[in-house]
Amino acid sequence: MKVNRAEFILVNNPLRGLIQEEYELNILCKMSSLKDIEIALEIGCGNGNGTKLRLTLMRK
């Protein structure tokens, strides 16, 4: 995916990772009926931080 400089900075910003960890992840877990998973496919863009966070939370 080709992004412009502003998009690149927003996607790779450490603040975005913090927001994902503190806010988005809790919302996704509340919305999901899946509690324990082994295999998942996430289609997104970014540096992969969201995927790492989801794996950490879902593998408890």
C-alpha atoms as a PDB file:
ATOM      1  CA  MET A   1       0.000   0.000   0.000  1.00  0.00           C
ATOM      2  CA  LYS A   2       1.389   3.356  -0.961  1.00  0.00           C
ATOM      3  CA  VAL A   3       0.835   6.158   1.540  1.00  0.00           C
ATOM      4  CA  ASN A   4       1.856   9.786   1.648  1.00  0.00           C
ATOM      5  CA  ARG A   5       4.194  11.166   4.303  1.00  0.00           C
ATOM      6  CA  ALA A   6       1.426  12.333   6.658  1.00  0.00           C
ATOM      7  CA  GLU A   7      -0.277   8.928   6.582  1.00  0.00           C
ATOM      8  CA  PHE A   8       3.029   7.177   7.190  1.00  0.00           C
ATOM      9  CA  ILE A   9       3.729   9.347  10.232  1.00  0.00           C
ATOM     10  CA  LEU A  10       0.239   8.758  11.653  1.00  0.00           C
ATOM     11  CA  VAL A  11       0.360   4.987  11.166  1.00  0.00           C
ATOM     12  CA  ASN A  12       3.851   4.609  12.663  1.00  0.00           C
ATOM     13  CA  ASN A  13       3.354   7.028  15.555  1.00  0.00           C
ATOM     14  CA  PRO A  14       3.958   5.567  19.054  1.00  0.00           C
ATOM     15  CA  LEU A  15       0.853   7.407  20.258  1.00  0.00           C
ATOM     16  CA  ARG A  16      -1.225   5.292  17.871  1.00  0.00           C
ATOM     17  CA  GLY A  17       0.160   2.148  19.517  1.00  0.00           C
ATOM     18  CA  LEU A  18      -0.806   3.464  22.934  1.00  0.00           C
ATOM     19  CA  ILE A  19      -4.325   4.254  21.740  1.00  0.00           C
ATOM     20  CA  GLN A  20      -4.615   0.777  20.270  1.00  0.00           C
ATOM     21  CA  GLU A  21      -3.470  -0.817  23.514  1.00  0.00           C
ATOM     22  CA  GLU A  22      -5.555   1.262  25.909  1.00  0.00           C
ATOM     23  CA  TYR A  23      -8.709   1.898  23.903  1.00  0.00           C
ATOM     24  CA  GLU A  24      -9.218  -0.031  20.661  1.00  0.00           C
ATOM     25  CA  LEU A  25      -8.226  -3.439  21.968  1.00  0.00           C
ATOM     26  CA  ASN A  26     -10.794  -3.355  24.778  1.00  0.00           C
ATOM     27  CA  ILE A  27     -13.540  -2.403  22.358  1.00  0.00           C
ATOM     28  CA  LEU A  28     -12.620  -5.201  19.948  1.00  0.00           C
ATOM     29  CA  CYS A  29     -12.591  -7.749  22.764  1.00  0.00           C
ATOM     30  CA  LYS A  30     -16.026  -6.652  23.978  1.00  0.00           C
ATOM     31  CA  MET A  31     -17.398  -6.884  20.436  1.00  0.00           C
ATOM     32  CA  SER A  32     -15.921 -10.314  19.764  1.00  0.00           C
ATOM     33  CA  SER A  33     -17.398 -13.612  20.893  1.00  0.00           C
ATOM     34  CA  LEU A  34     -13.975 -15.238  20.469  1.00  0.00           C
ATOM     35  CA  LYS A  35     -12.121 -15.576  23.738  1.00  0.00           C
ATOM     36  CA  ASP A  36      -9.266 -17.960  22.926  1.00  0.00           C
ATOM     37  CA  ILE A  37      -7.898 -18.375  19.420  1.00  0.00           C
ATOM     38  CA  GLU A  38      -5.022 -20.220  17.818  1.00  0.00           C
ATOM     39  CA  ILE A  39      -5.177 -18.933  14.243  1.00  0.00           C
ATOM     40  CA  ALA A  40      -6.493 -15.632  12.924  1.00  0.00           C
ATOM     41  CA  LEU A  41      -6.124 -13.509   9.836  1.00  0.00           C
ATOM     42  CA  GLU A  42      -5.949  -9.783  10.218  1.00  0.00           C
ATOM     43  CA  ILE A  43      -5.982  -7.658   7.114  1.00  0.00           C
ATOM     44  CA  GLY A  44      -4.799  -4.167   7.864  1.00  0.00           C
ATOM     45  CA  CYS A  45      -2.102  -1.644   7.324  1.00  0.00           C
ATOM     46  CA  GLY A  46       0.566  -0.371   9.619  1.00  0.00           C
ATOM     47  CA  ASN A  47       3.548  -1.735  11.426  1.00  0.00           C
ATOM     48  CA  GLY A  48       1.844  -4.809  12.901  1.00  0.00           C
ATOM     49  CA  ASN A  49       1.488  -3.471  16.435  1.00  0.00           C
ATOM     50  CA  GLY A  50      -2.267  -4.129  16.482  1.00  0.00           C
ATOM     51  CA  THR A  51      -1.723  -7.753  15.508  1.00  0.00           C
ATOM     52  CA  LYS A  52       0.860  -8.237  18.263  1.00  0.00           C
ATOM     53  CA  LEU A  53      -1.493  -6.750  20.844  1.00  0.00           C
ATOM     54  CA  ARG A  54      -4.400  -8.940  19.747  1.00  0.00           C
ATOM     55  CA  LEU A  55      -2.266 -12.063  19.889  1.00  0.00           C
ATOM     56  CA  THR A  56      -1.085 -11.215  23.388  1.00  0.00           C
ATOM     57  CA  LEU A  57      -4.607 -10.650  24.635  1.00  0.00           C
ATOM     58  CA  MET A  58      -6.306 -13.535  22.841  1.00  0.00           C
ATOM     59  CA  ARG A  59      -3.756 -16.163  23.866  1.00  0.00           C
ATOM     60  CA  LYS A  60      -4.343 -15.800  27.608  1.00  0.00           C
END
